[in-house]
Amino acid sequence: MHKNSILKLISTIAHQLEPCCKDKINAEQEAWWLLEKLTNKSKTWLLTNTEASISANKQAQLTQWITDRVKHNKPLAYILGSVPFCNLEILVKPPILIPRPETEEWVSWLIEQLKQANFTKFTALDLCCGSGCIGLAIAKAFPKSKIIGIDINIQAINLSLENKAHNKIENIEFIQSDLFQNLPSNFSYDLIISNPPYLAKQELSQLDPEVKNWEDHLALAAQDEGMYFYHKIFKESPKYLVPINIPTNMSIPQIVVEIGPAQKAIENILPSYKFKKFILYKDMQHQDRWVGCWI
C-alpha cells in the first residue's frame, strides 16, 4: 500500500468518525490511532513502507471498531485497550473508569512535590483505585515506597493486578475493600490519595453518551450530592496516617484527593475536619481539581 493509499484510507476513516468527534482534526487523529492499533505499526512506519496492506479480516475489525465508536459511542480508549498515564501504559476495559488527563496532572504534581522534598521512601494508600493508575504511577516513581490500592469492585482489582504485571511494578498490592473496611486496624500510612466518585447522581444524565453508557456509574457518582466519599475519607484518614518527617523544609500534604469543578461544597466541609491546613489546587484549565490536607 503506497503513501497515497494510506492517506486516502485515513481520510475515509476520519470521515466516518466525524459524527463522534469534535472536528476533522480529532477525527483524523482517531483514524491514525485506530490504524496503528489495527496494523501494530507506527504512523511513521505506515507512511514510509510500501508493503503495508490491510487483510479482509483486519478490514472487518476496522469496520466493527468504527461502528462501535460511531453508533454505540464506545470510548476510543476501550477500543484501543490502553491509555498512557505518567510514563505507564494503563490497560483499560469496560466498565472500569478510563484514566483522565486531569488526574494525570495532579498525580504528576504530587510525584514532583515528593521528589523535591526528597521524600522517596514511604507508604501510601490509594482509595478507589479503579485501573490502578494512580498507585502504579507513584509506585513506579518511588521504587522504595510501598503502595496499597483499594477498590470495592473486584473487576477494578483484577484490572489493577493486570496493570501491575503489564508495567512490571512490584512495590504495590491491591485489596478489595469498601474504603478502609477490610484493612487491619494496625495498618498505617504516610500518604492517602484518592480519585473517588464525586458527581452528584443528577449529573449522570448530563454526561456524554460515551461516558454515561460505558463507564461504571458507581465509580462516577456518589450520594450526598457527590460528597459522600469526601466525608468518609476526611473522617477516617487521620486514624491511619502517621506523622511524617520530611528531610527538607518542604511540606507535603498527607491527604490528596481529586475533586470536580462542580464540587464547590468541599470548601464548606473541610474546615469542620480540623486539619492543620488545606489547599485547593487548580488544574491547567483553571478549575479546582484537587485538595491537599495536612493533618
C-alpha atoms as a PDB file:
ATOM      1  CA  MET A   1       0.000   0.000   0.000  1.00  0.00           C
ATOM      2  CA  HIS A   2       1.529   3.325  -1.096  1.00  0.00           C
ATOM      3  CA  LYS A   3       1.601   6.524   0.918  1.00  0.00           C
ATOM      4  CA  ASN A   4      -1.257   7.986  -1.101  1.00  0.00           C
ATOM      5  CA  SER A   5      -3.320   4.860  -0.385  1.00  0.00           C
ATOM      6  CA  ILE A   6      -2.627   5.157   3.348  1.00  0.00           C
ATOM      7  CA  LEU A   7      -3.633   8.830   3.345  1.00  0.00           C
ATOM      8  CA  LYS A   8      -6.783   8.003   1.372  1.00  0.00           C
ATOM      9  CA  LEU A   9      -7.659   5.286   3.907  1.00  0.00           C
ATOM     10  CA  ILE A  10      -7.080   7.706   6.792  1.00  0.00           C
ATOM     11  CA  SER A  11      -9.305  10.266   5.086  1.00  0.00           C
ATOM     12  CA  THR A  12     -12.060   7.647   4.645  1.00  0.00           C
ATOM     13  CA  ILE A  13     -11.849   6.503   8.288  1.00  0.00           C
ATOM     14  CA  ALA A  14     -11.780  10.095   9.567  1.00  0.00           C
ATOM     15  CA  HIS A  15     -14.870  10.975   7.537  1.00  0.00           C
ATOM     16  CA  GLN A  16     -16.706   8.007   9.074  1.00  0.00           C
ATOM     17  CA  LEU A  17     -15.618   9.052  12.568  1.00  0.00           C
ATOM     18  CA  GLU A  18     -16.623  12.710  12.268  1.00  0.00           C
ATOM     19  CA  PRO A  19     -20.097  12.249  13.864  1.00  0.00           C
ATOM     20  CA  CYS A  20     -18.485  11.247  17.190  1.00  0.00           C
ATOM     21  CA  CYS A  21     -15.537  13.666  17.086  1.00  0.00           C
ATOM     22  CA  LYS A  22     -15.390  17.361  17.847  1.00  0.00           C
ATOM     23  CA  ASP A  23     -13.889  18.275  14.477  1.00  0.00           C
ATOM     24  CA  LYS A  24     -11.982  16.938  11.463  1.00  0.00           C
ATOM     25  CA  ILE A  25      -8.633  17.207  13.244  1.00  0.00           C
ATOM     26  CA  ASN A  26      -9.797  14.971  16.092  1.00  0.00           C
ATOM     27  CA  ALA A  27     -11.381  12.563  13.626  1.00  0.00           C
ATOM     28  CA  GLU A  28      -8.124  12.259  11.697  1.00  0.00           C
ATOM     29  CA  GLN A  29      -6.150  11.712  14.914  1.00  0.00           C
ATOM     30  CA  GLU A  30      -8.540   8.948  15.956  1.00  0.00           C
ATOM     31  CA  ALA A  31      -8.251   7.420  12.484  1.00  0.00           C
ATOM     32  CA  TRP A  32      -4.467   7.209  12.839  1.00  0.00           C
ATOM     33  CA  TRP A  33      -4.754   5.655  16.305  1.00  0.00           C
ATOM     34  CA  LEU A  34      -7.149   3.007  15.007  1.00  0.00           C
ATOM     35  CA  LEU A  35      -4.944   2.198  12.031  1.00  0.00           C
ATOM     36  CA  GLU A  36      -1.846   1.972  14.226  1.00  0.00           C
ATOM     37  CA  LYS A  37      -3.744  -0.373  16.572  1.00  0.00           C
ATOM     38  CA  LEU A  38      -5.038  -2.435  13.647  1.00  0.00           C
ATOM     39  CA  THR A  39      -1.639  -2.906  11.995  1.00  0.00           C
ATOM     40  CA  ASN A  40       0.517  -2.777  15.139  1.00  0.00           C
ATOM     41  CA  LYS A  41       2.679  -0.267  13.279  1.00  0.00           C
ATOM     42  CA  SER A  42       3.581   3.368  13.949  1.00  0.00           C
ATOM     43  CA  LYS A  43       2.341   6.266  11.849  1.00  0.00           C
ATOM     44  CA  THR A  44       5.876   6.824  10.567  1.00  0.00           C
ATOM     45  CA  TRP A  45       6.192   3.171   9.506  1.00  0.00           C
ATOM     46  CA  LEU A  46       2.856   3.257   7.708  1.00  0.00           C
ATOM     47  CA  LEU A  47       3.855   6.355   5.763  1.00  0.00           C
ATOM     48  CA  THR A  48       7.287   5.056   4.790  1.00  0.00           C
ATOM     49  CA  ASN A  49       6.634   1.413   3.926  1.00  0.00           C
ATOM     50  CA  THR A  50       5.038   0.460   0.646  1.00  0.00           C
ATOM     51  CA  GLU A  51       4.351  -3.117   1.714  1.00  0.00           C
ATOM     52  CA  ALA A  52       1.653  -2.131   4.179  1.00  0.00           C
ATOM     53  CA  SER A  53      -1.616  -3.894   3.467  1.00  0.00           C
ATOM     54  CA  ILE A  54      -4.979  -4.486   5.140  1.00  0.00           C
ATOM     55  CA  SER A  55      -6.329  -8.040   5.062  1.00  0.00           C
ATOM     56  CA  ALA A  56     -10.029  -8.838   4.810  1.00  0.00           C
ATOM     57  CA  ASN A  57     -10.099  -9.860   8.488  1.00  0.00           C
ATOM     58  CA  LYS A  58      -8.448  -6.619   9.547  1.00  0.00           C
ATOM     59  CA  GLN A  59     -10.804  -4.607   7.372  1.00  0.00           C
ATOM     60  CA  ALA A  60     -13.726  -6.318   9.123  1.00  0.00           C
ATOM     61  CA  GLN A  61     -12.191  -5.486  12.512  1.00  0.00           C
ATOM     62  CA  LEU A  62     -11.751  -1.855  11.484  1.00  0.00           C
ATOM     63  CA  THR A  63     -15.363  -1.673  10.347  1.00  0.00           C
ATOM     64  CA  GLN A  64     -16.509  -3.072  13.700  1.00  0.00           C
ATOM     65  CA  TRP A  65     -14.415  -0.530  15.615  1.00  0.00           C
ATOM     66  CA  ILE A  66     -15.875   2.339  13.598  1.00  0.00           C
ATOM     67  CA  THR A  67     -19.396   1.018  14.205  1.00  0.00           C
ATOM     68  CA  ASP A  68     -18.718   0.698  17.942  1.00  0.00           C
ATOM     69  CA  ARG A  69     -17.330   4.215  18.025  1.00  0.00           C
ATOM     70  CA  VAL A  70     -19.976   5.997  15.951  1.00  0.00           C
ATOM     71  CA  LYS A  71     -23.191   4.046  16.552  1.00  0.00           C
ATOM     72  CA  HIS A  72     -22.592   2.748  20.074  1.00  0.00           C
ATOM     73  CA  ASN A  73     -20.495   5.629  21.463  1.00  0.00           C
ATOM     74  CA  LYS A  74     -17.814   3.222  22.661  1.00  0.00           C
ATOM     75  CA  PRO A  75     -14.889   5.223  24.108  1.00  0.00           C
ATOM     76  CA  LEU A  76     -11.807   5.157  21.906  1.00  0.00           C
ATOM     77  CA  ALA A  77      -9.699   4.072  24.895  1.00  0.00           C
ATOM     78  CA  TYR A  78     -11.765   0.902  25.286  1.00  0.00           C
ATOM     79  CA  ILE A  79     -11.246   0.121  21.597  1.00  0.00           C
ATOM     80  CA  LEU A  80      -7.501   0.764  21.748  1.00  0.00           C
ATOM     81  CA  GLY A  81      -7.273  -1.159  25.034  1.00  0.00           C
ATOM     82  CA  SER A  82      -4.873   1.169  26.836  1.00  0.00           C
ATOM     83  CA  VAL A  83      -4.013   4.784  27.610  1.00  0.00           C
ATOM     84  CA  PRO A  84      -0.721   6.474  28.510  1.00  0.00           C
ATOM     85  CA  PHE A  85      -0.515   7.696  32.108  1.00  0.00           C
ATOM     86  CA  CYS A  86       2.587   9.122  33.837  1.00  0.00           C
ATOM     87  CA  ASN A  87       5.047   7.141  31.690  1.00  0.00           C
ATOM     88  CA  LEU A  88       2.999   3.955  32.071  1.00  0.00           C
ATOM     89  CA  GLU A  89       0.732   2.090  29.674  1.00  0.00           C
ATOM     90  CA  ILE A  90      -2.522   1.519  31.542  1.00  0.00           C
ATOM     91  CA  LEU A  91      -4.782  -1.225  30.227  1.00  0.00           C
ATOM     92  CA  VAL A  92      -8.458  -0.257  30.187  1.00  0.00           C
ATOM     93  CA  LYS A  93     -11.596  -2.399  29.976  1.00  0.00           C
ATOM     94  CA  PRO A  94     -15.268  -1.502  30.362  1.00  0.00           C
ATOM     95  CA  PRO A  95     -16.751  -0.561  32.729  1.00  0.00           C
ATOM     96  CA  ILE A  96     -13.689   0.461  34.792  1.00  0.00           C
ATOM     97  CA  LEU A  97     -13.100   4.201  34.680  1.00  0.00           C
ATOM     98  CA  ILE A  98     -10.694   5.414  31.983  1.00  0.00           C
ATOM     99  CA  PRO A  99      -7.822   7.494  33.452  1.00  0.00           C
ATOM    100  CA  ARG A 100      -8.232  11.188  32.654  1.00  0.00           C
ATOM    101  CA  PRO A 101      -5.579  13.814  31.789  1.00  0.00           C
ATOM    102  CA  GLU A 102      -6.698  15.930  34.753  1.00  0.00           C
ATOM    103  CA  THR A 103      -5.956  13.028  37.089  1.00  0.00           C
ATOM    104  CA  GLU A 104      -2.569  12.547  35.437  1.00  0.00           C
ATOM    105  CA  GLU A 105      -1.895  16.257  36.048  1.00  0.00           C
ATOM    106  CA  TRP A 106      -2.284  16.138  39.832  1.00  0.00           C
ATOM    107  CA  VAL A 107      -0.520  12.794  40.163  1.00  0.00           C
ATOM    108  CA  SER A 108       2.439  14.240  38.250  1.00  0.00           C
ATOM    109  CA  TRP A 109       2.322  17.268  40.564  1.00  0.00           C
ATOM    110  CA  LEU A 110       2.368  15.047  43.666  1.00  0.00           C
ATOM    111  CA  ILE A 111       5.270  12.979  42.337  1.00  0.00           C
ATOM    112  CA  GLU A 112       7.226  16.161  41.686  1.00  0.00           C
ATOM    113  CA  GLN A 113       6.441  17.506  45.179  1.00  0.00           C
ATOM    114  CA  LEU A 114       7.678  14.288  46.779  1.00  0.00           C
ATOM    115  CA  LYS A 115      10.864  14.320  44.696  1.00  0.00           C
ATOM    116  CA  GLN A 116      11.600  17.947  45.564  1.00  0.00           C
ATOM    117  CA  ALA A 117      11.137  17.132  49.240  1.00  0.00           C
ATOM    118  CA  ASN A 118      13.460  14.121  48.857  1.00  0.00           C
ATOM    119  CA  PHE A 119      10.695  12.014  50.395  1.00  0.00           C
ATOM    120  CA  THR A 120      11.208   8.844  48.401  1.00  0.00           C
ATOM    121  CA  LYS A 121      10.597   6.006  50.858  1.00  0.00           C
ATOM    122  CA  PHE A 122       7.057   5.995  52.217  1.00  0.00           C
ATOM    123  CA  THR A 123       3.791   4.095  52.457  1.00  0.00           C
ATOM    124  CA  ALA A 124       0.693   5.254  50.602  1.00  0.00           C
ATOM    125  CA  LEU A 125      -2.920   4.146  50.360  1.00  0.00           C
ATOM    126  CA  ASP A 126      -4.761   4.669  47.060  1.00  0.00           C
ATOM    127  CA  LEU A 127      -8.515   4.595  47.724  1.00  0.00           C
ATOM    128  CA  CYS A 128     -10.989   3.862  44.896  1.00  0.00           C
ATOM    129  CA  CYS A 129      -8.063   2.774  42.730  1.00  0.00           C
ATOM    130  CA  GLY A 130     -10.028   1.762  39.604  1.00  0.00           C
ATOM    131  CA  SER A 131      -7.489   0.755  36.946  1.00  0.00           C
ATOM    132  CA  GLY A 132      -4.699   1.229  39.489  1.00  0.00           C
ATOM    133  CA  CYS A 133      -3.191   4.089  37.507  1.00  0.00           C
ATOM    134  CA  ILE A 134      -2.559   6.484  40.429  1.00  0.00           C
ATOM    135  CA  GLY A 135      -0.950   3.997  42.793  1.00  0.00           C
ATOM    136  CA  LEU A 136       1.056   2.410  39.985  1.00  0.00           C
ATOM    137  CA  ALA A 137       2.416   5.771  38.819  1.00  0.00           C
ATOM    138  CA  ILE A 138       3.573   6.601  42.350  1.00  0.00           C
ATOM    139  CA  ALA A 139       4.988   3.116  42.911  1.00  0.00           C
ATOM    140  CA  LYS A 140       6.912   3.355  39.636  1.00  0.00           C
ATOM    141  CA  ALA A 141       8.314   6.774  40.520  1.00  0.00           C
ATOM    142  CA  PHE A 142       9.347   5.661  44.027  1.00  0.00           C
ATOM    143  CA  PRO A 143      10.518   2.016  43.973  1.00  0.00           C
ATOM    144  CA  LYS A 144      11.495   2.148  47.664  1.00  0.00           C
ATOM    145  CA  SER A 145       7.927   3.007  48.654  1.00  0.00           C
ATOM    146  CA  LYS A 146       5.082   0.613  49.455  1.00  0.00           C
ATOM    147  CA  ILE A 147       1.630   1.290  47.963  1.00  0.00           C
ATOM    148  CA  ILE A 148      -1.727  -0.344  48.680  1.00  0.00           C
ATOM    149  CA  GLY A 149      -4.597   0.116  46.209  1.00  0.00           C
ATOM    150  CA  ILE A 150      -8.201  -0.302  47.386  1.00  0.00           C
ATOM    151  CA  ASP A 151     -11.423  -0.698  45.411  1.00  0.00           C
ATOM    152  CA  ILE A 152     -14.817  -2.209  46.214  1.00  0.00           C
ATOM    153  CA  ASN A 153     -15.188  -3.546  42.654  1.00  0.00           C
ATOM    154  CA  ILE A 154     -13.447  -6.893  42.054  1.00  0.00           C
ATOM    155  CA  GLN A 155     -13.282  -6.066  38.329  1.00  0.00           C
ATOM    156  CA  ALA A 156     -11.232  -2.989  39.212  1.00  0.00           C
ATOM    157  CA  ILE A 157      -8.931  -5.038  41.442  1.00  0.00           C
ATOM    158  CA  ASN A 158      -8.400  -7.602  38.692  1.00  0.00           C
ATOM    159  CA  LEU A 159      -7.610  -4.872  36.151  1.00  0.00           C
ATOM    160  CA  SER A 160      -5.219  -3.204  38.617  1.00  0.00           C
ATOM    161  CA  LEU A 161      -3.403  -6.512  39.010  1.00  0.00           C
ATOM    162  CA  GLU A 162      -3.169  -6.823  35.221  1.00  0.00           C
ATOM    163  CA  ASN A 163      -1.688  -3.337  35.066  1.00  0.00           C
ATOM    164  CA  LYS A 164       0.781  -4.174  37.824  1.00  0.00           C
ATOM    165  CA  ALA A 165       2.037  -7.152  35.799  1.00  0.00           C
ATOM    166  CA  HIS A 166       1.890  -5.275  32.481  1.00  0.00           C
ATOM    167  CA  ASN A 167       4.069  -2.460  33.813  1.00  0.00           C
ATOM    168  CA  LYS A 168       6.332  -4.795  35.843  1.00  0.00           C
ATOM    169  CA  ILE A 169       5.848  -2.953  39.144  1.00  0.00           C
ATOM    170  CA  GLU A 170       6.436  -4.916  42.335  1.00  0.00           C
ATOM    171  CA  ASN A 171       6.036  -2.458  45.224  1.00  0.00           C
ATOM    172  CA  ILE A 172       2.230  -2.263  45.140  1.00  0.00           C
ATOM    173  CA  GLU A 173      -0.596  -4.519  46.298  1.00  0.00           C
ATOM    174  CA  PHE A 174      -4.336  -4.380  45.647  1.00  0.00           C
ATOM    175  CA  ILE A 175      -7.109  -5.265  48.109  1.00  0.00           C
ATOM    176  CA  GLN A 176     -10.859  -5.464  47.540  1.00  0.00           C
ATOM    177  CA  SER A 177     -12.451  -3.317  50.213  1.00  0.00           C
ATOM    178  CA  ASP A 178     -15.123  -0.702  50.810  1.00  0.00           C
ATOM    179  CA  LEU A 179     -12.662   2.078  51.647  1.00  0.00           C
ATOM    180  CA  PHE A 180     -10.983   1.185  54.973  1.00  0.00           C
ATOM    181  CA  GLN A 181     -13.335  -1.692  55.820  1.00  0.00           C
ATOM    182  CA  ASN A 182     -11.062  -4.667  55.073  1.00  0.00           C
ATOM    183  CA  LEU A 183      -7.828  -3.100  56.302  1.00  0.00           C
ATOM    184  CA  PRO A 184      -6.291  -4.435  59.520  1.00  0.00           C
ATOM    185  CA  SER A 185      -6.641  -1.923  62.340  1.00  0.00           C
ATOM    186  CA  ASN A 186      -2.862  -1.713  62.750  1.00  0.00           C
ATOM    187  CA  PHE A 187      -2.274  -0.501  59.169  1.00  0.00           C
ATOM    188  CA  SER A 188      -0.663   2.934  58.972  1.00  0.00           C
ATOM    189  CA  TYR A 189       0.410   5.152  56.069  1.00  0.00           C
ATOM    190  CA  ASP A 190       2.356   8.291  55.298  1.00  0.00           C
ATOM    191  CA  LEU A 191       0.008   9.356  52.488  1.00  0.00           C
ATOM    192  CA  ILE A 192      -3.588   8.724  51.483  1.00  0.00           C
ATOM    193  CA  ILE A 193      -4.571   9.548  47.910  1.00  0.00           C
ATOM    194  CA  SER A 194      -7.836   9.140  46.050  1.00  0.00           C
ATOM    195  CA  ASN A 195      -9.870   9.916  42.973  1.00  0.00           C
ATOM    196  CA  PRO A 196     -13.242   8.977  44.493  1.00  0.00           C
ATOM    197  CA  PRO A 197     -16.671   9.066  42.826  1.00  0.00           C
ATOM    198  CA  TYR A 198     -17.708  12.700  43.138  1.00  0.00           C
ATOM    199  CA  LEU A 199     -20.519  13.500  40.724  1.00  0.00           C
ATOM    200  CA  ALA A 200     -23.978  14.109  42.122  1.00  0.00           C
ATOM    201  CA  LYS A 201     -26.463  11.479  40.947  1.00  0.00           C
ATOM    202  CA  GLN A 202     -28.359  14.031  38.837  1.00  0.00           C
ATOM    203  CA  GLU A 203     -25.154  14.880  36.937  1.00  0.00           C
ATOM    204  CA  LEU A 204     -25.068  11.405  35.375  1.00  0.00           C
ATOM    205  CA  SER A 205     -27.837  12.295  32.911  1.00  0.00           C
ATOM    206  CA  GLN A 206     -25.760  15.231  31.650  1.00  0.00           C
ATOM    207  CA  LEU A 207     -22.702  13.164  30.759  1.00  0.00           C
ATOM    208  CA  ASP A 208     -21.644  12.388  27.197  1.00  0.00           C
ATOM    209  CA  PRO A 209     -23.043   9.047  25.978  1.00  0.00           C
ATOM    210  CA  GLU A 210     -19.575   7.503  25.755  1.00  0.00           C
ATOM    211  CA  VAL A 211     -19.188   8.069  29.497  1.00  0.00           C
ATOM    212  CA  LYS A 212     -22.786   7.536  30.620  1.00  0.00           C
ATOM    213  CA  ASN A 213     -23.334   4.376  28.575  1.00  0.00           C
ATOM    214  CA  TRP A 214     -19.982   2.690  29.156  1.00  0.00           C
ATOM    215  CA  GLU A 215     -18.279   3.612  32.418  1.00  0.00           C
ATOM    216  CA  ASP A 216     -19.316   2.362  35.859  1.00  0.00           C
ATOM    217  CA  HIS A 217     -21.820   4.769  37.420  1.00  0.00           C
ATOM    218  CA  LEU A 218     -20.730   3.664  40.900  1.00  0.00           C
ATOM    219  CA  ALA A 219     -17.229   4.927  40.082  1.00  0.00           C
ATOM    220  CA  LEU A 220     -18.578   8.235  38.811  1.00  0.00           C
ATOM    221  CA  ALA A 221     -21.318   9.371  41.209  1.00  0.00           C
ATOM    222  CA  ALA A 222     -21.848   9.335  44.952  1.00  0.00           C
ATOM    223  CA  GLN A 223     -24.580  10.014  47.476  1.00  0.00           C
ATOM    224  CA  ASP A 224     -24.953  13.294  49.347  1.00  0.00           C
ATOM    225  CA  GLU A 225     -24.623  15.419  46.199  1.00  0.00           C
ATOM    226  CA  GLY A 226     -21.314  13.732  45.397  1.00  0.00           C
ATOM    227  CA  MET A 227     -19.813  14.464  48.827  1.00  0.00           C
ATOM    228  CA  TYR A 228     -20.197  11.026  50.454  1.00  0.00           C
ATOM    229  CA  PHE A 229     -16.660   9.754  49.887  1.00  0.00           C
ATOM    230  CA  TYR A 230     -15.032  13.026  50.924  1.00  0.00           C
ATOM    231  CA  HIS A 231     -16.760  12.848  54.299  1.00  0.00           C
ATOM    232  CA  LYS A 232     -15.642   9.229  54.748  1.00  0.00           C
ATOM    233  CA  ILE A 233     -12.048   9.888  53.683  1.00  0.00           C
ATOM    234  CA  PHE A 234     -11.612  13.063  55.722  1.00  0.00           C
ATOM    235  CA  LYS A 235     -13.134  11.452  58.819  1.00  0.00           C
ATOM    236  CA  GLU A 236     -11.275   8.133  58.698  1.00  0.00           C
ATOM    237  CA  SER A 237      -7.889   9.023  57.187  1.00  0.00           C
ATOM    238  CA  PRO A 238      -6.287  10.556  60.321  1.00  0.00           C
ATOM    239  CA  LYS A 239      -6.691   7.196  62.091  1.00  0.00           C
ATOM    240  CA  TYR A 240      -4.372   5.575  59.563  1.00  0.00           C
ATOM    241  CA  LEU A 241      -1.845   8.360  58.998  1.00  0.00           C
ATOM    242  CA  VAL A 242       1.395   8.734  60.932  1.00  0.00           C
ATOM    243  CA  PRO A 243       3.382  11.979  61.259  1.00  0.00           C
ATOM    244  CA  ILE A 244       5.984  12.248  58.510  1.00  0.00           C
ATOM    245  CA  ASN A 245       9.450  13.688  58.754  1.00  0.00           C
ATOM    246  CA  ILE A 246      10.392  15.493  55.560  1.00  0.00           C
ATOM    247  CA  PRO A 247      14.203  15.813  55.267  1.00  0.00           C
ATOM    248  CA  THR A 248      13.867  19.299  53.755  1.00  0.00           C
ATOM    249  CA  ASN A 249      11.961  22.428  54.710  1.00  0.00           C
ATOM    250  CA  MET A 250       9.174  21.498  52.275  1.00  0.00           C
ATOM    251  CA  SER A 251       5.752  20.477  53.487  1.00  0.00           C
ATOM    252  CA  ILE A 252       3.797  17.641  51.877  1.00  0.00           C
ATOM    253  CA  PRO A 253       0.015  17.153  52.245  1.00  0.00           C
ATOM    254  CA  GLN A 254      -0.763  13.729  53.692  1.00  0.00           C
ATOM    255  CA  ILE A 255      -4.203  13.533  52.070  1.00  0.00           C
ATOM    256  CA  VAL A 256      -4.591  14.348  48.378  1.00  0.00           C
ATOM    257  CA  VAL A 257      -7.969  13.866  46.675  1.00  0.00           C
ATOM    258  CA  GLU A 258      -9.332  14.798  43.285  1.00  0.00           C
ATOM    259  CA  ILE A 259     -12.430  16.982  43.109  1.00  0.00           C
ATOM    260  CA  GLY A 260     -14.685  18.143  40.297  1.00  0.00           C
ATOM    261  CA  PRO A 261     -15.326  21.766  39.345  1.00  0.00           C
ATOM    262  CA  ALA A 262     -18.952  21.355  40.457  1.00  0.00           C
ATOM    263  CA  GLN A 263     -17.983  20.183  43.953  1.00  0.00           C
ATOM    264  CA  LYS A 264     -17.780  23.655  45.467  1.00  0.00           C
ATOM    265  CA  ALA A 265     -19.235  22.302  48.718  1.00  0.00           C
ATOM    266  CA  ILE A 266     -15.792  20.876  49.510  1.00  0.00           C
ATOM    267  CA  GLU A 267     -14.779  24.341  50.726  1.00  0.00           C
ATOM    268  CA  ASN A 268     -17.635  24.282  53.226  1.00  0.00           C
ATOM    269  CA  ILE A 269     -16.968  20.854  54.738  1.00  0.00           C
ATOM    270  CA  LEU A 270     -13.171  20.968  55.019  1.00  0.00           C
ATOM    271  CA  PRO A 271     -12.998  23.380  57.998  1.00  0.00           C
ATOM    272  CA  SER A 272     -15.103  21.001  60.101  1.00  0.00           C
ATOM    273  CA  TYR A 273     -12.393  18.326  59.979  1.00  0.00           C
ATOM    274  CA  LYS A 274      -9.836  20.454  61.849  1.00  0.00           C
ATOM    275  CA  PHE A 275      -6.902  19.815  59.531  1.00  0.00           C
ATOM    276  CA  LYS A 276      -3.822  21.920  60.228  1.00  0.00           C
ATOM    277  CA  LYS A 277      -4.362  23.392  56.793  1.00  0.00           C
ATOM    278  CA  PHE A 278      -5.828  22.539  53.408  1.00  0.00           C
ATOM    279  CA  ILE A 279      -5.294  23.922  49.919  1.00  0.00           C
ATOM    280  CA  LEU A 280      -7.467  23.714  46.810  1.00  0.00           C
ATOM    281  CA  TYR A 281      -5.351  23.450  43.671  1.00  0.00           C
ATOM    282  CA  LYS A 282      -6.403  24.424  40.155  1.00  0.00           C
ATOM    283  CA  ASP A 283      -5.613  22.433  37.037  1.00  0.00           C
ATOM    284  CA  MET A 284      -4.331  23.802  33.735  1.00  0.00           C
ATOM    285  CA  GLN A 285      -7.903  24.746  32.804  1.00  0.00           C
ATOM    286  CA  HIS A 286      -8.060  26.927  35.952  1.00  0.00           C
ATOM    287  CA  GLN A 287     -10.651  24.620  37.513  1.00  0.00           C
ATOM    288  CA  ASP A 288     -10.468  23.465  41.136  1.00  0.00           C
ATOM    289  CA  ARG A 289      -9.157  19.921  40.661  1.00  0.00           C
ATOM    290  CA  TRP A 290      -7.523  18.548  43.796  1.00  0.00           C
ATOM    291  CA  VAL A 291      -7.262  19.188  47.519  1.00  0.00           C
ATOM    292  CA  GLY A 292      -4.239  18.729  49.756  1.00  0.00           C
ATOM    293  CA  CYS A 293      -4.792  18.317  53.529  1.00  0.00           C
ATOM    294  CA  TRP A 294      -2.244  18.478  56.348  1.00  0.00           C
ATOM    295  CA  ILE A 295      -3.221  16.558  59.493  1.00  0.00           C
END
